[in-house]
Amino acid sequence: MRIGLPQRIKKDLDDSIAELIRIGICDDSNFSAIRSSGDQYEITFKGAEHVSIAMGNIEYSDIHRELAEKRSYNMKLVDGALLQLMYRLDGNRLLQHRLAFYPSATLLPFQDDPEAYMRDALFIEIIRRHIVPFPLRFDFDDCNDIHVDISHPKSHLTLGDAKGCRIPVTAPLTPRWFVEFILRNFYQTETHDFLGGLPSHRIHFENSITSGEQGLMHMIIPYPVRQ
């Protein structure tokens, strides 16, 4: 019997969490949960009810602290960064996703016990790469009432909290692609490989980008194999 897409997304996400725990870069986690009502499915996590904190008109350091204190994340990494992954489906049709990355806004853990961290080469290597922390978020919404060609792509990347920043993305992201994007661009180093043990790509989402959006600078999700 073929496993439904909600269950496959959950497995993709949970396997990625397990791998980050195994390699020692994930310090705390909330594995995913599926909530269903009829044919509607939501893949979420304990603490997801607090994600709206990020929408408030408050300082980023306060947003990060509130989310961390309420454990509103799937993963908290060793440097304090938070990852949130949420999906909503109608049967096997993806309706929405919200995939967010909140880098640590402070180095207080390092300042609290610098000698301990000086003995941790992984932590030091990560900390040295931080310059200015800012959040990023991959959003997808299949609702035609929300989508506006070019100005509001169905799948897009938002950097920081800049209003109107919606960089077109060719397709929705699987958990595996989102985790790889974060690790490759913000954590991978010459001496630490965080990518080799990630689960294989097992999910494919159809392209959602329009011809108009393809005429702009955009991001490509390179799904090599159709499932």
C-alpha atoms as a PDB file:
ATOM      1  CA  MET A   1       0.000   0.000   0.000  1.00  0.00           C
ATOM      2  CA  ARG A   2       1.406   3.376  -1.033  1.00  0.00           C
ATOM      3  CA  ILE A   3       1.961   5.768   1.866  1.00  0.00           C
ATOM      4  CA  GLY A   4       0.137   9.082   1.482  1.00  0.00           C
ATOM      5  CA  LEU A   5       1.973  12.347   0.897  1.00  0.00           C
ATOM      6  CA  PRO A   6       1.310  13.712   4.429  1.00  0.00           C
ATOM      7  CA  GLN A   7       2.994  10.672   5.963  1.00  0.00           C
ATOM      8  CA  ARG A   8       5.875  10.875   3.477  1.00  0.00           C
ATOM      9  CA  ILE A   9       6.480  14.543   4.309  1.00  0.00           C
ATOM     10  CA  LYS A  10       6.432  13.732   8.020  1.00  0.00           C
ATOM     11  CA  LYS A  11       8.992  10.961   7.521  1.00  0.00           C
ATOM     12  CA  ASP A  12      11.184  13.221   5.372  1.00  0.00           C
ATOM     13  CA  LEU A  13      11.138  15.835   8.125  1.00  0.00           C
ATOM     14  CA  ASP A  14      11.648  13.481  11.058  1.00  0.00           C
ATOM     15  CA  ASP A  15      14.488  11.639   9.322  1.00  0.00           C
ATOM     16  CA  SER A  16      16.223  14.977   8.748  1.00  0.00           C
ATOM     17  CA  ILE A  17      15.812  15.898  12.418  1.00  0.00           C
ATOM     18  CA  ALA A  18      17.219  12.534  13.475  1.00  0.00           C
ATOM     19  CA  GLU A  19      20.267  13.011  11.258  1.00  0.00           C
ATOM     20  CA  LEU A  20      20.998  16.487  12.661  1.00  0.00           C
ATOM     21  CA  ILE A  21      20.751  15.067  16.162  1.00  0.00           C
ATOM     22  CA  ARG A  22      23.091  12.224  15.208  1.00  0.00           C
ATOM     23  CA  ILE A  23      25.813  14.511  13.862  1.00  0.00           C
ATOM     24  CA  GLY A  24      25.553  16.755  16.921  1.00  0.00           C
ATOM     25  CA  ILE A  25      24.396  20.006  15.326  1.00  0.00           C
ATOM     26  CA  CYS A  26      20.814  19.823  16.670  1.00  0.00           C
ATOM     27  CA  ASP A  27      20.704  20.701  20.360  1.00  0.00           C
ATOM     28  CA  ASP A  28      16.945  20.345  20.955  1.00  0.00           C
ATOM     29  CA  SER A  29      14.007  19.208  18.834  1.00  0.00           C
ATOM     30  CA  ASN A  30      10.277  18.731  18.441  1.00  0.00           C
ATOM     31  CA  PHE A  31       9.516  15.934  16.004  1.00  0.00           C
ATOM     32  CA  SER A  32       6.594  16.530  13.656  1.00  0.00           C
ATOM     33  CA  ALA A  33       2.974  15.566  14.201  1.00  0.00           C
ATOM     34  CA  ILE A  34       0.081  15.119  11.762  1.00  0.00           C
ATOM     35  CA  ARG A  35      -3.294  16.642  12.580  1.00  0.00           C
ATOM     36  CA  SER A  36      -6.155  15.629  10.332  1.00  0.00           C
ATOM     37  CA  SER A  37      -9.763  16.578   9.775  1.00  0.00           C
ATOM     38  CA  GLY A  38     -11.440  14.680   6.965  1.00  0.00           C
ATOM     39  CA  ASP A  39      -9.132  14.999   3.957  1.00  0.00           C
ATOM     40  CA  GLN A  40      -7.293  17.983   5.459  1.00  0.00           C
ATOM     41  CA  TYR A  41      -3.860  17.372   6.964  1.00  0.00           C
ATOM     42  CA  GLU A  42      -1.529  19.649   8.859  1.00  0.00           C
ATOM     43  CA  ILE A  43       2.070  18.666   9.533  1.00  0.00           C
ATOM     44  CA  THR A  44       3.110  20.684  12.526  1.00  0.00           C
ATOM     45  CA  PHE A  45       4.977  20.496  15.848  1.00  0.00           C
ATOM     46  CA  LYS A  46       4.452  21.139  19.525  1.00  0.00           C
ATOM     47  CA  GLY A  47       4.812  24.877  20.036  1.00  0.00           C
ATOM     48  CA  ALA A  48       3.634  25.829  16.544  1.00  0.00           C
ATOM     49  CA  GLU A  49       0.825  27.868  18.074  1.00  0.00           C
ATOM     50  CA  HIS A  50       3.432  30.520  18.899  1.00  0.00           C
ATOM     51  CA  VAL A  51       4.790  31.090  15.377  1.00  0.00           C
ATOM     52  CA  SER A  52       2.729  34.291  15.092  1.00  0.00           C
ATOM     53  CA  ILE A  53       5.215  35.914  17.486  1.00  0.00           C
ATOM     54  CA  ALA A  54       7.423  36.437  14.439  1.00  0.00           C
ATOM     55  CA  MET A  55       4.713  38.598  12.846  1.00  0.00           C
ATOM     56  CA  GLY A  56       4.770  41.130  15.663  1.00  0.00           C
ATOM     57  CA  ASN A  57       6.325  44.548  15.337  1.00  0.00           C
ATOM     58  CA  ILE A  58       9.102  43.832  17.835  1.00  0.00           C
ATOM     59  CA  GLU A  59      12.876  43.583  17.736  1.00  0.00           C
ATOM     60  CA  TYR A  60      14.326  40.462  16.148  1.00  0.00           C
ATOM     61  CA  SER A  61      16.219  39.596  19.328  1.00  0.00           C
ATOM     62  CA  ASP A  62      12.895  39.583  21.205  1.00  0.00           C
ATOM     63  CA  ILE A  63      11.252  37.420  18.524  1.00  0.00           C
ATOM     64  CA  HIS A  64      14.056  34.883  18.689  1.00  0.00           C
ATOM     65  CA  ARG A  65      14.045  34.816  22.492  1.00  0.00           C
ATOM     66  CA  GLU A  66      10.269  34.329  22.683  1.00  0.00           C
ATOM     67  CA  LEU A  67      10.286  31.515  20.128  1.00  0.00           C
ATOM     68  CA  ALA A  68      13.191  29.814  21.901  1.00  0.00           C
ATOM     69  CA  GLU A  69      11.623  30.121  25.353  1.00  0.00           C
ATOM     70  CA  LYS A  70       8.326  28.664  24.092  1.00  0.00           C
ATOM     71  CA  ARG A  71      10.212  25.932  22.185  1.00  0.00           C
ATOM     72  CA  SER A  72       8.416  26.957  19.013  1.00  0.00           C
ATOM     73  CA  TYR A  73      10.607  25.033  16.582  1.00  0.00           C
ATOM     74  CA  ASN A  74      11.325  21.649  15.066  1.00  0.00           C
ATOM     75  CA  MET A  75      15.043  22.072  15.666  1.00  0.00           C
ATOM     76  CA  LYS A  76      17.271  24.298  17.770  1.00  0.00           C
ATOM     77  CA  LEU A  77      20.838  24.117  16.549  1.00  0.00           C
ATOM     78  CA  VAL A  78      23.984  24.287  18.690  1.00  0.00           C
ATOM     79  CA  ASP A  79      24.397  28.027  18.036  1.00  0.00           C
ATOM     80  CA  GLY A  80      20.794  28.767  19.034  1.00  0.00           C
ATOM     81  CA  ALA A  81      19.344  28.993  15.513  1.00  0.00           C
ATOM     82  CA  LEU A  82      15.745  27.786  15.154  1.00  0.00           C
ATOM     83  CA  LEU A  83      14.105  25.895  12.273  1.00  0.00           C
ATOM     84  CA  GLN A  84      10.328  25.679  11.817  1.00  0.00           C
ATOM     85  CA  LEU A  85       8.665  23.487   9.168  1.00  0.00           C
ATOM     86  CA  MET A  86       4.892  23.389   8.664  1.00  0.00           C
ATOM     87  CA  TYR A  87       2.807  21.930   5.814  1.00  0.00           C
ATOM     88  CA  ARG A  88      -0.909  21.833   5.018  1.00  0.00           C
ATOM     89  CA  LEU A  89      -2.491  19.424   2.529  1.00  0.00           C
ATOM     90  CA  ASP A  90      -5.818  18.397   1.068  1.00  0.00           C
ATOM     91  CA  GLY A  91      -5.405  14.660   0.629  1.00  0.00           C
ATOM     92  CA  ASN A  92      -2.215  14.285  -1.416  1.00  0.00           C
ATOM     93  CA  ARG A  93      -2.352  17.858  -2.722  1.00  0.00           C
ATOM     94  CA  LEU A  94      -0.010  20.346  -1.086  1.00  0.00           C
ATOM     95  CA  LEU A  95      -1.837  23.551  -0.179  1.00  0.00           C
ATOM     96  CA  GLN A  96       0.686  25.510   1.872  1.00  0.00           C
ATOM     97  CA  HIS A  97       4.034  25.362   3.581  1.00  0.00           C
ATOM     98  CA  ARG A  98       5.952  27.666   5.893  1.00  0.00           C
ATOM     99  CA  LEU A  99       9.649  26.867   6.345  1.00  0.00           C
ATOM    100  CA  ALA A 100      11.492  29.357   8.539  1.00  0.00           C
ATOM    101  CA  PHE A 101      15.068  29.838   9.757  1.00  0.00           C
ATOM    102  CA  TYR A 102      15.793  32.131  12.711  1.00  0.00           C
ATOM    103  CA  PRO A 103      19.544  32.519  13.356  1.00  0.00           C
ATOM    104  CA  SER A 104      20.665  33.147  16.894  1.00  0.00           C
ATOM    105  CA  ALA A 105      20.338  36.817  17.756  1.00  0.00           C
ATOM    106  CA  THR A 106      22.922  36.664  20.532  1.00  0.00           C
ATOM    107  CA  LEU A 107      26.087  34.812  21.511  1.00  0.00           C
ATOM    108  CA  LEU A 108      25.109  34.637  25.169  1.00  0.00           C
ATOM    109  CA  PRO A 109      25.603  30.851  25.411  1.00  0.00           C
ATOM    110  CA  PHE A 110      29.224  31.356  24.313  1.00  0.00           C
ATOM    111  CA  GLN A 111      29.709  34.270  26.687  1.00  0.00           C
ATOM    112  CA  ASP A 112      28.279  32.312  29.589  1.00  0.00           C
ATOM    113  CA  ASP A 113      30.874  29.563  29.308  1.00  0.00           C
ATOM    114  CA  PRO A 114      33.562  30.507  26.789  1.00  0.00           C
ATOM    115  CA  GLU A 115      36.094  27.943  28.005  1.00  0.00           C
ATOM    116  CA  ALA A 116      33.695  25.088  27.319  1.00  0.00           C
ATOM    117  CA  TYR A 117      33.018  26.322  23.811  1.00  0.00           C
ATOM    118  CA  MET A 118      36.707  26.946  23.138  1.00  0.00           C
ATOM    119  CA  ARG A 119      37.112  23.197  23.487  1.00  0.00           C
ATOM    120  CA  ASP A 120      34.340  22.603  20.968  1.00  0.00           C
ATOM    121  CA  ALA A 121      35.834  23.070  17.508  1.00  0.00           C
ATOM    122  CA  LEU A 122      32.465  22.646  15.787  1.00  0.00           C
ATOM    123  CA  PHE A 123      30.805  25.434  17.763  1.00  0.00           C
ATOM    124  CA  ILE A 124      33.733  27.816  17.290  1.00  0.00           C
ATOM    125  CA  GLU A 125      33.795  27.193  13.549  1.00  0.00           C
ATOM    126  CA  ILE A 126      30.086  27.976  13.303  1.00  0.00           C
ATOM    127  CA  ILE A 127      30.245  31.078  15.489  1.00  0.00           C
ATOM    128  CA  ARG A 128      33.069  32.598  13.461  1.00  0.00           C
ATOM    129  CA  ARG A 129      30.876  32.536  10.353  1.00  0.00           C
ATOM    130  CA  HIS A 130      28.079  34.644  11.811  1.00  0.00           C
ATOM    131  CA  ILE A 131      27.999  38.292  10.774  1.00  0.00           C
ATOM    132  CA  VAL A 132      24.520  39.831  10.941  1.00  0.00           C
ATOM    133  CA  PRO A 133      21.662  37.475  11.877  1.00  0.00           C
ATOM    134  CA  PHE A 134      18.430  37.776   9.919  1.00  0.00           C
ATOM    135  CA  PRO A 135      15.527  35.378   9.427  1.00  0.00           C
ATOM    136  CA  LEU A 136      14.529  33.799   6.143  1.00  0.00           C
ATOM    137  CA  ARG A 137      11.390  31.947   5.147  1.00  0.00           C
ATOM    138  CA  PHE A 138      10.239  29.802   2.230  1.00  0.00           C
ATOM    139  CA  ASP A 139       6.481  30.111   1.754  1.00  0.00           C
ATOM    140  CA  PHE A 140       4.129  28.262  -0.556  1.00  0.00           C
ATOM    141  CA  ASP A 141       0.417  28.920  -1.033  1.00  0.00           C
ATOM    142  CA  ASP A 142      -1.575  27.251  -3.814  1.00  0.00           C
ATOM    143  CA  CYS A 143      -4.601  29.514  -3.367  1.00  0.00           C
ATOM    144  CA  ASN A 144      -5.302  31.476  -6.547  1.00  0.00           C
ATOM    145  CA  ASP A 145      -6.776  34.294  -4.467  1.00  0.00           C
ATOM    146  CA  ILE A 146      -3.358  34.756  -2.811  1.00  0.00           C
ATOM    147  CA  HIS A 147      -1.169  34.292  -5.868  1.00  0.00           C
ATOM    148  CA  VAL A 148      -0.440  37.404  -7.925  1.00  0.00           C
ATOM    149  CA  ASP A 149       1.822  36.792 -10.903  1.00  0.00           C
ATOM    150  CA  ILE A 150       5.326  38.203 -10.319  1.00  0.00           C
ATOM    151  CA  SER A 151       4.473  40.240  -7.203  1.00  0.00           C
ATOM    152  CA  HIS A 152       3.331  37.282  -5.051  1.00  0.00           C
ATOM    153  CA  PRO A 153       4.570  33.935  -6.446  1.00  0.00           C
ATOM    154  CA  LYS A 154       2.981  30.779  -5.102  1.00  0.00           C
ATOM    155  CA  SER A 155       6.408  29.595  -3.936  1.00  0.00           C
ATOM    156  CA  HIS A 156       8.829  32.281  -2.797  1.00  0.00           C
ATOM    157  CA  LEU A 157      11.696  33.155  -0.471  1.00  0.00           C
ATOM    158  CA  THR A 158      11.504  36.076   1.943  1.00  0.00           C
ATOM    159  CA  LEU A 159      14.727  37.488   3.404  1.00  0.00           C
ATOM    160  CA  GLY A 160      14.561  39.305   6.712  1.00  0.00           C
ATOM    161  CA  ASP A 161      11.248  40.978   7.368  1.00  0.00           C
ATOM    162  CA  ALA A 162      11.406  43.249   4.316  1.00  0.00           C
ATOM    163  CA  LYS A 163       7.892  43.874   3.056  1.00  0.00           C
ATOM    164  CA  GLY A 164       7.526  42.915  -0.572  1.00  0.00           C
ATOM    165  CA  CYS A 165      10.587  40.647  -0.589  1.00  0.00           C
ATOM    166  CA  ARG A 166       9.269  37.585  -2.404  1.00  0.00           C
ATOM    167  CA  ILE A 167      11.953  35.945  -4.521  1.00  0.00           C
ATOM    168  CA  PRO A 168      10.265  33.467  -6.898  1.00  0.00           C
ATOM    169  CA  VAL A 169      11.045  29.775  -6.346  1.00  0.00           C
ATOM    170  CA  THR A 170      10.246  27.208  -9.005  1.00  0.00           C
ATOM    171  CA  ALA A 171       8.436  24.781  -6.690  1.00  0.00           C
ATOM    172  CA  PRO A 172       7.557  24.062  -3.064  1.00  0.00           C
ATOM    173  CA  LEU A 173      10.390  22.717  -0.900  1.00  0.00           C
ATOM    174  CA  THR A 174      10.484  19.334   0.763  1.00  0.00           C
ATOM    175  CA  PRO A 175      11.864  19.201   4.323  1.00  0.00           C
ATOM    176  CA  ARG A 176      15.002  17.560   2.917  1.00  0.00           C
ATOM    177  CA  TRP A 177      15.675  20.432   0.510  1.00  0.00           C
ATOM    178  CA  PHE A 178      15.055  23.088   3.177  1.00  0.00           C
ATOM    179  CA  VAL A 179      17.397  21.446   5.698  1.00  0.00           C
ATOM    180  CA  GLU A 180      20.092  21.052   3.046  1.00  0.00           C
ATOM    181  CA  PHE A 181      19.733  24.708   2.028  1.00  0.00           C
ATOM    182  CA  ILE A 182      20.290  25.859   5.605  1.00  0.00           C
ATOM    183  CA  LEU A 183      23.184  23.516   6.312  1.00  0.00           C
ATOM    184  CA  ARG A 184      24.963  24.113   3.013  1.00  0.00           C
ATOM    185  CA  ASN A 185      24.754  27.897   3.112  1.00  0.00           C
ATOM    186  CA  PHE A 186      25.149  28.633   6.827  1.00  0.00           C
ATOM    187  CA  TYR A 187      26.945  25.685   8.472  1.00  0.00           C
ATOM    188  CA  GLN A 188      28.942  23.536   6.060  1.00  0.00           C
ATOM    189  CA  THR A 189      32.690  24.028   6.577  1.00  0.00           C
ATOM    190  CA  GLU A 190      35.915  22.545   5.266  1.00  0.00           C
ATOM    191  CA  THR A 191      36.288  20.383   8.359  1.00  0.00           C
ATOM    192  CA  HIS A 192      32.647  19.514   9.117  1.00  0.00           C
ATOM    193  CA  ASP A 193      30.392  17.755   6.607  1.00  0.00           C
ATOM    194  CA  PHE A 194      26.740  18.034   7.597  1.00  0.00           C
ATOM    195  CA  LEU A 195      25.295  16.915   4.264  1.00  0.00           C
ATOM    196  CA  GLY A 196      26.667  13.445   3.595  1.00  0.00           C
ATOM    197  CA  GLY A 197      24.337  11.646   6.002  1.00  0.00           C
ATOM    198  CA  LEU A 198      21.084  13.424   5.098  1.00  0.00           C
ATOM    199  CA  PRO A 199      18.288  11.135   3.854  1.00  0.00           C
ATOM    200  CA  SER A 200      17.949  10.772   0.100  1.00  0.00           C
ATOM    201  CA  HIS A 201      15.443  12.890  -1.823  1.00  0.00           C
ATOM    202  CA  ARG A 202      12.208  10.907  -1.790  1.00  0.00           C
ATOM    203  CA  ILE A 203       9.521  13.504  -2.536  1.00  0.00           C
ATOM    204  CA  HIS A 204       8.819  15.539  -5.662  1.00  0.00           C
ATOM    205  CA  PHE A 205       6.579  18.607  -5.851  1.00  0.00           C
ATOM    206  CA  GLU A 206       5.371  19.954  -9.177  1.00  0.00           C
ATOM    207  CA  ASN A 207       6.671  23.303 -10.404  1.00  0.00           C
ATOM    208  CA  SER A 208       4.482  26.259  -9.471  1.00  0.00           C
ATOM    209  CA  ILE A 209       6.394  29.123 -11.104  1.00  0.00           C
ATOM    210  CA  THR A 210       4.749  31.041 -13.956  1.00  0.00           C
ATOM    211  CA  SER A 211       6.378  32.102 -17.223  1.00  0.00           C
ATOM    212  CA  GLY A 212       6.325  35.703 -15.990  1.00  0.00           C
ATOM    213  CA  GLU A 213       8.148  34.772 -12.798  1.00  0.00           C
ATOM    214  CA  GLN A 214      10.680  32.725 -14.760  1.00  0.00           C
ATOM    215  CA  GLY A 215      11.608  35.960 -16.508  1.00  0.00           C
ATOM    216  CA  LEU A 216      12.826  37.324 -13.174  1.00  0.00           C
ATOM    217  CA  MET A 217      15.830  36.255 -11.116  1.00  0.00           C
ATOM    218  CA  HIS A 218      14.555  33.220  -9.259  1.00  0.00           C
ATOM    219  CA  MET A 219      15.578  30.102  -7.350  1.00  0.00           C
ATOM    220  CA  ILE A 220      15.419  26.640  -8.897  1.00  0.00           C
ATOM    221  CA  ILE A 221      14.535  23.548  -6.890  1.00  0.00           C
ATOM    222  CA  PRO A 222      16.524  20.829  -8.721  1.00  0.00           C
ATOM    223  CA  TYR A 223      14.338  17.778  -8.263  1.00  0.00           C
ATOM    224  CA  PRO A 224      16.374  15.161 -10.131  1.00  0.00           C
ATOM    225  CA  VAL A 225      13.941  12.258  -9.814  1.00  0.00           C
ATOM    226  CA  ARG A 226      10.178  12.203 -10.125  1.00  0.00           C
ATOM    227  CA  GLN A 227       8.463  10.029  -7.518  1.00  0.00           C
END
